[in-house]
Protein backbone atom coordinates (compact mmCIF):
# COMPACT_ATOMS: atom_id res chain seq x y z
CA MET A 1 -36.97 -0.92 -8.75
CA GLY A 2 -34.85 2.04 -9.75
CA TYR A 3 -34.49 3.76 -13.08
CA LYS A 4 -33.27 1.71 -16.01
CA PRO A 5 -30.33 3.40 -17.75
CA SER A 6 -29.80 3.03 -21.47
CA TYR A 7 -27.01 0.57 -20.74
CA ALA A 8 -29.44 -2.12 -19.67
CA LYS A 9 -28.50 -4.70 -22.27
CA THR A 10 -27.65 -8.29 -21.48
CA VAL A 11 -24.09 -8.45 -20.13
CA LYS A 12 -21.70 -11.25 -20.97
CA ARG A 13 -20.16 -12.81 -17.86
CA THR A 14 -16.42 -12.39 -17.71
CA GLY A 15 -13.67 -14.34 -16.03
CA PRO A 16 -10.28 -13.36 -14.58
CA ARG A 17 -8.52 -13.88 -17.92
CA ASP A 18 -10.96 -11.57 -19.74
CA ILE A 19 -10.53 -8.87 -17.11
CA ALA A 20 -6.74 -9.24 -17.23
CA LEU A 21 -6.78 -8.34 -20.93
CA THR A 22 -8.41 -4.98 -20.17
CA GLU A 23 -5.76 -3.51 -17.88
CA TYR A 24 -4.10 -1.61 -20.71
CA SER A 25 -7.48 -0.48 -22.04
CA SER A 26 -8.18 1.02 -18.62
CA SER A 27 -4.77 2.72 -18.63
CA ILE A 28 -5.39 4.10 -22.12
CA LEU A 29 -8.67 5.69 -21.00
CA SER A 30 -7.00 7.20 -17.95
CA MET A 31 -4.06 8.64 -19.90
CA ILE A 32 -6.25 10.20 -22.56
CA ALA A 33 -8.53 11.71 -19.91
CA SER A 34 -5.63 13.16 -17.91
CA GLY A 35 -3.82 14.53 -20.96
CA ARG A 36 -0.71 12.39 -20.36
CA ALA A 37 -1.22 10.89 -23.81
CA ARG A 38 -2.97 12.46 -26.80
CA SER A 39 -2.08 10.09 -29.63
CA ARG A 40 -1.33 6.45 -30.37
CA ALA A 41 2.39 7.27 -30.40
CA ASP A 42 2.13 8.86 -26.95
CA LEU A 43 0.36 5.76 -25.63
CA ALA A 44 2.92 3.36 -27.11
CA ARG A 45 5.78 5.34 -25.61
CA THR A 46 4.19 5.80 -22.18
CA LEU A 47 2.94 2.22 -21.79
CA ASN A 48 6.02 0.71 -23.46
CA LEU A 49 3.85 -1.32 -25.83
CA ALA A 50 4.21 -2.08 -29.52
CA PRO A 51 2.37 0.38 -31.79
CA SER A 52 0.41 -2.55 -33.24
CA THR A 53 -0.87 -3.47 -29.78
CA ILE A 54 -1.89 0.12 -29.10
CA THR A 55 -3.72 0.27 -32.42
CA ILE A 56 -5.72 -2.85 -31.55
CA LYS A 57 -6.67 -1.51 -28.11
CA VAL A 58 -7.54 1.95 -29.42
CA ASN A 59 -9.72 0.47 -32.16
CA GLU A 60 -11.55 -1.67 -29.57
CA LEU A 61 -12.25 1.42 -27.44
CA MET A 62 -13.40 3.39 -30.47
CA GLU A 63 -15.75 0.57 -31.50
CA ALA A 64 -17.14 0.56 -27.95
CA GLY A 65 -17.89 4.27 -28.30
CA LEU A 66 -15.57 5.30 -25.45
CA ILE A 67 -12.95 7.32 -27.35
CA SER A 68 -12.87 9.16 -30.67
CA GLU A 69 -10.43 10.91 -32.99
CA SER A 70 -10.36 14.70 -32.64
CA GLY A 71 -8.14 16.09 -35.37
CA SER A 72 -4.39 16.18 -35.88
CA GLY A 73 -1.56 17.28 -33.64
CA SER A 74 1.67 19.09 -34.48
CA ALA A 75 4.19 17.31 -36.67
CA THR A 76 7.52 16.37 -35.06
CA GLY A 77 9.49 15.45 -38.15
CA GLY A 78 7.04 12.97 -39.62
CA ARG A 79 3.34 12.60 -40.26
CA ARG A 80 1.07 14.62 -38.00
CA PRO A 81 -0.40 12.38 -35.27
CA THR A 82 -4.14 11.80 -34.97
CA LEU A 83 -5.35 13.05 -31.58
CA LEU A 84 -7.63 11.03 -29.32
CA GLU A 85 -10.20 12.09 -26.76
CA LEU A 86 -12.83 10.55 -24.50
CA VAL A 87 -16.37 10.61 -25.82
CA PRO A 88 -18.05 13.03 -23.36
CA ASP A 89 -21.35 11.15 -23.18
CA ALA A 90 -19.85 7.64 -23.14
CA GLY A 91 -21.11 6.98 -19.62
CA PHE A 92 -20.20 6.81 -15.95
CA ILE A 93 -19.85 4.34 -13.08
CA LEU A 94 -21.35 4.37 -9.58
CA ALA A 95 -19.44 2.87 -6.66
CA ALA A 96 -20.03 2.23 -2.97
CA ASP A 97 -17.67 1.40 -0.12
CA LEU A 98 -19.39 -0.23 2.87
CA GLY A 99 -17.76 -0.43 6.28
CA ALA A 100 -18.98 -1.53 9.68
CA HIS A 101 -20.20 2.01 10.37
CA HIS A 102 -19.83 3.97 7.13
CA LEU A 103 -21.42 4.05 3.69
CA TRP A 104 -19.42 6.00 1.14
CA VAL A 105 -20.69 6.35 -2.42
CA GLY A 106 -19.13 7.97 -5.46
CA ARG A 107 -19.49 8.68 -9.15
CA LEU A 108 -16.56 7.95 -11.48
CA ASN A 109 -15.97 8.69 -15.13
CA LEU A 110 -14.83 6.04 -17.58
CA SER A 111 -11.18 6.84 -16.94
CA GLY A 112 -11.69 5.74 -13.34
CA ASN A 113 -11.46 9.22 -11.80
CA LEU A 114 -13.66 9.93 -8.78
CA LEU A 115 -15.81 12.95 -9.63
CA VAL A 116 -17.99 13.33 -6.53
CA SER A 117 -18.68 11.38 -3.34
CA GLU A 118 -20.91 11.35 -0.26
CA ILE A 119 -20.61 9.57 3.08
CA ARG A 120 -22.97 8.74 5.94
CA THR A 121 -22.95 6.68 9.13
CA ILE A 122 -24.62 3.25 9.08
CA ASP A 123 -24.67 0.02 11.06
CA ILE A 124 -23.74 -2.90 8.83
CA ASN A 125 -25.58 -5.23 11.24
CA ASP A 126 -28.90 -3.71 10.16
CA GLY A 127 -28.60 -6.22 7.33
CA PRO A 128 -28.72 -6.02 3.51
CA GLU A 129 -32.44 -5.31 3.35
CA VAL A 130 -31.83 -2.01 5.17
CA VAL A 131 -28.31 -1.04 4.08
CA LEU A 132 -28.47 -1.76 0.35
CA PRO A 133 -31.53 0.45 -0.34
CA GLN A 134 -29.74 3.26 1.50
CA ALA A 135 -26.69 2.75 -0.72
CA ALA A 136 -28.82 2.68 -3.87
CA ALA A 137 -30.61 5.90 -2.91
CA MET A 138 -27.32 7.67 -2.21
CA MET A 139 -25.80 6.53 -5.50
CA ARG A 140 -28.85 7.67 -7.48
CA ALA A 141 -28.61 11.09 -5.86
CA LEU A 142 -25.23 11.54 -7.60
CA SER A 143 -26.78 11.42 -11.07
CA ASP A 144 -29.75 12.55 -13.13
CA PRO A 145 -30.88 9.96 -15.70
CA ALA A 146 -32.73 12.65 -17.64
CA VAL A 147 -29.56 14.52 -18.63
CA ASP A 148 -26.60 12.28 -17.76
CA PRO A 149 -24.82 9.87 -20.11
CA PRO A 150 -25.62 6.17 -19.63
CA LEU A 151 -24.75 4.33 -16.43
CA ARG A 152 -22.25 1.65 -17.45
CA GLY A 153 -22.00 -0.28 -14.18
CA VAL A 154 -22.11 -0.37 -10.38
CA GLY A 155 -19.34 -1.57 -8.05
CA MET A 156 -19.44 -2.23 -4.31
CA SER A 157 -16.74 -2.89 -1.71
CA LEU A 158 -17.86 -5.09 1.21
CA PRO A 159 -16.23 -5.50 4.66
CA GLY A 160 -16.26 -9.29 4.74
CA PRO A 161 -15.27 -12.44 2.81
CA VAL A 162 -16.81 -12.47 -0.67
CA ASN A 163 -17.46 -15.40 -2.96
CA PHE A 164 -16.50 -13.50 -6.10
CA ALA A 165 -18.04 -15.99 -8.52
CA LEU A 166 -21.44 -15.73 -6.81
CA GLY A 167 -21.16 -12.06 -5.85
CA ALA A 168 -22.21 -12.92 -2.29
CA LEU A 169 -20.85 -12.68 1.26
CA ASP A 170 -19.43 -15.91 2.63
CA SER A 171 -19.56 -16.39 6.43
CA PRO A 172 -18.80 -12.78 7.46
CA SER A 173 -18.05 -12.66 11.19
CA ARG A 174 -19.25 -9.09 11.83
CA MET A 175 -22.17 -8.78 9.39
CA ARG A 176 -25.35 -10.29 10.77
CA GLY A 177 -27.82 -11.28 8.08
CA TRP A 178 -25.40 -10.95 5.15
CA HIS A 179 -24.25 -14.58 4.78
CA GLU A 180 -24.86 -15.79 1.20
CA PHE A 181 -26.84 -12.67 0.33
CA LYS A 182 -26.24 -12.14 -3.40
CA VAL A 183 -25.30 -8.48 -3.38
CA ARG A 184 -24.18 -8.43 -7.00
CA ASN A 185 -27.50 -9.74 -8.27
CA TRP A 186 -29.38 -7.25 -6.08
CA LEU A 187 -27.40 -4.34 -7.52
CA ALA A 188 -27.70 -5.55 -11.11
CA GLU A 189 -31.47 -5.86 -10.79
CA GLU A 190 -31.88 -2.59 -8.90
CA PHE A 191 -29.91 -0.53 -11.43
CA GLY A 192 -30.54 -2.61 -14.56
CA THR A 193 -26.86 -2.76 -15.42
CA LEU A 194 -23.64 -4.67 -14.87
CA ALA A 195 -22.57 -4.97 -11.22
CA VAL A 196 -19.46 -6.19 -9.38
CA VAL A 197 -18.73 -6.74 -5.69
CA ASP A 198 -15.61 -7.79 -3.79
CA ASN A 199 -13.96 -7.78 -0.40
CA ASP A 200 -12.87 -4.33 0.80
CA ALA A 201 -9.16 -5.25 1.08
CA ASN A 202 -9.15 -6.43 -2.55
CA MET A 203 -10.94 -3.28 -3.69
CA MET A 204 -8.55 -1.05 -1.74
CA ALA A 205 -5.56 -2.91 -3.17
CA LEU A 206 -6.84 -2.43 -6.73
CA GLY A 207 -7.66 1.24 -6.14
CA GLU A 208 -4.22 1.92 -4.69
CA HIS A 209 -2.43 -0.04 -7.40
CA THR A 210 -4.29 1.80 -10.16
CA LEU A 211 -3.56 5.20 -8.65
CA ARG A 212 0.14 4.41 -8.40
CA GLN A 213 0.20 3.18 -11.99
CA ARG A 214 -1.11 6.55 -13.11
CA GLU A 215 1.10 8.78 -10.98
CA SER A 216 4.49 7.06 -11.03
CA PRO A 217 6.67 7.18 -14.17
CA ASP A 218 8.15 3.72 -13.42
CA SER A 219 4.88 2.19 -12.23
CA LYS A 220 4.62 -0.22 -15.17
CA VAL A 221 7.50 -2.25 -13.73
CA ARG A 222 5.74 -2.43 -10.34
CA GLN A 223 2.93 -4.88 -11.04
CA ASN A 224 2.81 -6.68 -7.67
CA THR A 225 1.24 -4.84 -4.75
CA LEU A 226 0.46 -6.02 -1.23
CA PHE A 227 -2.11 -3.79 0.44
CA LEU A 228 -2.54 -4.03 4.21
CA LYS A 229 -5.73 -2.50 5.61
CA ALA A 230 -5.15 -1.67 9.26
CA GLY A 231 -8.18 -0.17 10.97
CA ALA A 232 -10.59 -1.53 13.54
CA ALA A 233 -9.96 -4.86 11.80
CA ILE A 234 -7.13 -6.13 9.60
CA GLY A 235 -7.37 -7.09 5.94
CA CYS A 236 -4.93 -7.77 3.14
CA GLY A 237 -5.30 -7.61 -0.64
CA LEU A 238 -2.88 -8.88 -3.28
CA ILE A 239 -2.33 -7.55 -6.79
CA ILE A 240 -0.29 -10.00 -8.86
CA ASP A 241 0.77 -9.00 -12.39
CA GLY A 242 -1.67 -6.09 -12.22
CA GLN A 243 -4.70 -8.21 -11.28
CA VAL A 244 -6.47 -9.00 -8.00
CA TYR A 245 -5.41 -12.40 -6.69
CA ARG A 246 -8.26 -14.01 -4.75
CA GLY A 247 -7.19 -17.62 -4.44
CA SER A 248 -9.45 -20.65 -4.64
CA THR A 249 -12.24 -19.45 -2.32
CA GLY A 250 -11.53 -15.72 -2.09
CA ALA A 251 -9.50 -16.03 1.11
CA ALA A 252 -6.11 -15.07 -0.36
CA GLY A 253 -4.29 -12.54 1.81
CA ASP A 254 -6.41 -13.07 4.93
CA ILE A 255 -3.62 -12.74 7.47
CA ALA A 256 -5.98 -11.37 10.16
CA HIS A 257 -6.76 -14.89 11.34
CA VAL A 258 -3.26 -16.33 11.31
CA GLN A 259 -2.52 -17.70 14.78
CA ILE A 260 0.55 -16.17 16.39
CA PRO A 261 2.29 -16.70 19.78
CA ALA A 262 1.90 -13.04 20.78
CA ALA A 263 -1.89 -13.43 20.77
CA GLY A 264 -1.88 -16.18 23.37
CA ASP A 265 -5.27 -17.84 23.80
CA GLY A 266 -7.38 -14.74 23.18
CA PRO A 267 -10.74 -15.41 21.47
CA CYS A 268 -11.31 -14.01 17.97
CA SER A 269 -14.48 -13.05 16.11
CA CYS A 270 -13.79 -15.86 13.63
CA GLY A 271 -14.40 -18.42 16.41
CA ASN A 272 -10.75 -19.38 16.76
CA ARG A 273 -8.18 -18.26 19.33
CA GLY A 274 -4.83 -16.53 19.13
CA CYS A 275 -5.39 -14.69 15.82
CA LEU A 276 -3.26 -11.74 14.70
CA GLU A 277 -6.31 -9.45 14.70
CA THR A 278 -6.78 -9.91 18.47
CA VAL A 279 -3.50 -8.08 19.20
CA ALA A 280 -2.59 -5.94 16.15
CA SER A 281 -5.88 -4.31 15.07
CA GLY A 282 -7.43 -1.02 16.11
CA SER A 283 -10.05 -2.90 18.13
CA ALA A 284 -7.31 -4.69 20.06
CA ILE A 285 -5.56 -1.41 20.81
CA ILE A 286 -8.83 0.14 22.05
CA ARG A 287 -9.43 -2.85 24.32
CA ASP A 288 -5.94 -2.69 25.85
CA LEU A 289 -6.13 1.07 26.35
CA ALA A 290 -9.44 0.67 28.18
CA ALA A 291 -7.77 -1.84 30.53
CA VAL A 292 -5.38 0.90 31.74
CA GLY A 293 -8.06 3.58 31.95
CA ILE A 294 -7.55 5.31 28.60
CA ASP A 295 -10.81 6.01 26.79
CA ALA A 296 -10.82 5.47 23.01
CA ALA A 297 -14.10 4.88 21.20
CA ASP A 298 -12.67 4.20 17.75
CA VAL A 299 -9.54 4.36 15.58
CA ASN A 300 -9.95 8.12 15.18
CA ASP A 301 -9.48 8.46 18.95
CA ILE A 302 -6.29 6.41 18.73
CA VAL A 303 -5.00 8.71 15.99
CA ARG A 304 -5.80 11.82 18.04
CA GLN A 305 -4.10 10.48 21.16
CA VAL A 306 -0.93 9.52 19.33
CA ASN A 307 -0.82 12.88 17.57
CA ASN A 308 -1.24 14.56 20.98
CA GLY A 309 1.76 12.64 22.28
CA ASP A 310 0.09 10.22 24.69
CA PRO A 311 2.93 7.78 25.62
CA HIS A 312 0.75 4.76 26.49
CA THR A 313 -1.17 4.93 23.21
CA THR A 314 1.98 5.50 21.16
CA THR A 315 3.73 2.54 22.78
CA ARG A 316 0.74 0.27 22.18
CA VAL A 317 0.55 1.39 18.53
CA ARG A 318 4.24 0.63 18.01
CA THR A 319 3.80 -2.80 19.55
CA ALA A 320 0.87 -3.56 17.24
CA GLY A 321 2.95 -2.44 14.26
CA ARG A 322 5.85 -4.71 15.17
CA ILE A 323 3.57 -7.71 15.67
CA LEU A 324 1.88 -7.05 12.35
CA GLY A 325 5.25 -6.65 10.61
CA GLN A 326 6.43 -10.01 11.94
CA THR A 327 3.44 -11.82 10.44
CA LEU A 328 3.49 -9.77 7.25
CA SER A 329 7.14 -10.65 6.67
CA ILE A 330 6.14 -14.25 5.94
CA VAL A 331 3.78 -13.05 3.20
CA VAL A 332 6.41 -10.67 1.78
CA ASN A 333 9.00 -13.46 1.62
CA PHE A 334 6.50 -15.74 -0.11
CA VAL A 335 4.90 -13.28 -2.56
CA ASN A 336 7.90 -10.96 -3.10
CA PRO A 337 5.82 -7.85 -3.97
CA ASP A 338 7.18 -4.65 -5.50
CA VAL A 339 5.14 -2.46 -3.14
CA VAL A 340 3.75 -2.89 0.37
CA VAL A 341 1.08 -0.30 1.10
CA LEU A 342 -0.38 0.38 4.53
CA GLY A 343 -3.95 1.68 4.45
CA GLY A 344 -6.80 2.04 6.92
CA GLY A 345 -7.05 4.39 9.88
CA LEU A 346 -3.85 3.27 11.62
CA SER A 347 -1.78 4.02 8.50
CA GLN A 348 -2.17 7.72 9.37
CA LEU A 349 0.23 7.14 12.27
CA GLU A 350 3.92 7.30 11.45
CA PRO A 351 4.88 5.23 14.56
CA TYR A 352 2.70 2.41 13.25
CA VAL A 353 4.03 2.62 9.69
CA ALA A 354 7.63 2.88 10.91
CA ALA A 355 7.21 -0.16 13.18
CA VAL A 356 5.82 -2.28 10.34
CA ARG A 357 8.52 -1.10 7.95
CA SER A 358 11.42 -1.73 10.33
CA GLN A 359 10.09 -5.20 11.21
CA LEU A 360 9.81 -6.13 7.53
CA TYR A 361 13.39 -5.10 6.85
CA GLU A 362 14.54 -7.02 9.93
CA SER A 363 12.54 -10.23 9.32
CA CYS A 364 12.46 -10.61 5.53
CA HIS A 365 15.13 -12.12 3.31
CA PRO A 366 17.35 -9.33 1.89
CA LEU A 367 16.31 -10.21 -1.67
CA ALA A 368 12.64 -9.76 -0.76
CA THR A 369 13.26 -6.18 0.37
CA LYS A 370 16.04 -5.26 -2.07
CA ASN A 371 13.85 -3.03 -4.26
CA ILE A 372 10.65 -2.94 -2.22
CA VAL A 373 8.63 0.21 -1.51
CA ILE A 374 6.94 0.27 1.91
CA GLU A 375 4.77 3.28 2.64
CA ALA A 376 1.35 4.60 3.61
CA SER A 377 -1.49 4.64 1.10
CA LEU A 378 -1.65 7.41 -1.50
CA ALA A 379 -5.38 6.88 -2.06
CA GLY A 380 -6.17 7.05 1.67
CA SER A 381 -9.83 6.74 2.54
CA GLN A 382 -10.79 6.81 -1.17
CA ALA A 383 -9.01 3.52 -1.97
CA GLY A 384 -12.16 1.40 -1.66
CA LEU A 385 -14.24 3.64 -3.92
CA LEU A 386 -11.46 3.85 -6.51
CA GLY A 387 -11.06 0.08 -6.46
CA ALA A 388 -14.78 -0.60 -6.81
CA GLY A 389 -14.90 1.79 -9.76
CA GLN A 390 -11.81 0.31 -11.36
CA LEU A 391 -13.02 -3.29 -11.06
CA CYS A 392 -16.35 -2.23 -12.55
CA LEU A 393 -14.58 -0.38 -15.39
CA ARG A 394 -12.40 -3.38 -16.21
CA THR A 395 -15.44 -5.66 -16.23
CA VAL A 396 -17.31 -3.25 -18.51
CA LEU A 397 -14.37 -3.16 -20.92
CA ALA A 398 -14.12 -6.95 -20.90
CA SER A 399 -17.82 -7.32 -21.67
């Protein structure tokens, strides 16, 4: 087993409602850390909350030892405001983002900011007994328990369906040996602290949503985000009223395996035929390019070829974007999100993003796209790490 941080106490299990109550606490930490808010009055004005609500949240965070009062600010016609600051040694969070061939780990502070990260190549099919110890070793290398503040929690993003209640993979099609492996329990025991795990699309959606909440002045009115991960595979995460929506069995947003006419009778990794992923994913594009003699080993090769102006690759990318947009339009009409974000490797390509965007405007009801924002991810490749850290932070605050 690994080192046991000082935050190794028994952790109360939390549910979706408990975590939902911590969204503003997370925002308060972030705003104080970034300097956007220095006092209770600043927080009330920025978050558009009643001063009494802010006082309750601030008192909770002070009792938890996460923030403290640091003197008085300048008077602006009334009583001088009491300034707030993060407690420097309050703790940190470790996060990991696993993909089919990458392992990316990071260290975040308690405002959810990514401080440092490392990445290496892996094969997810080596199984949890091989991959998870590698992840744990990389995460430990980002900290020194002898001098660092306490580790508050560990979060991990996984590239397959996750039973969130059990913290385990559920029938992943491209992850041999991972079915029903309880990753959350493994992490909690290994690090002696709270742990959370979720599907990568959900983590990326939460990371993107949180980043936009921080950076956009009107973000508090944009609480519903649809995040589309378009890489070698396709995934979709939903943020409803600021919280991850997982559905009954964690399958909410899984449009990759919707059957569509354009896919014909092509076999899919899920065992079915005619799924969206067989024609609109990076893997599908690579397969079709190979059929006409164009060599592309991965999504990065697709990006390079489009950027170099290869007409066959660009046309195939546009076609994939239109097909994806047609299927996504059904979800947009049904969910009516404020923001549609395109992430993953293919989101680097403007022809792909433009094709999805134009198809959504063409296929959706005008009311569904009246005020919608459709654009590429701001978080980019860091979305999964940010989401894993944010989910961990919210769970820590709720516990």
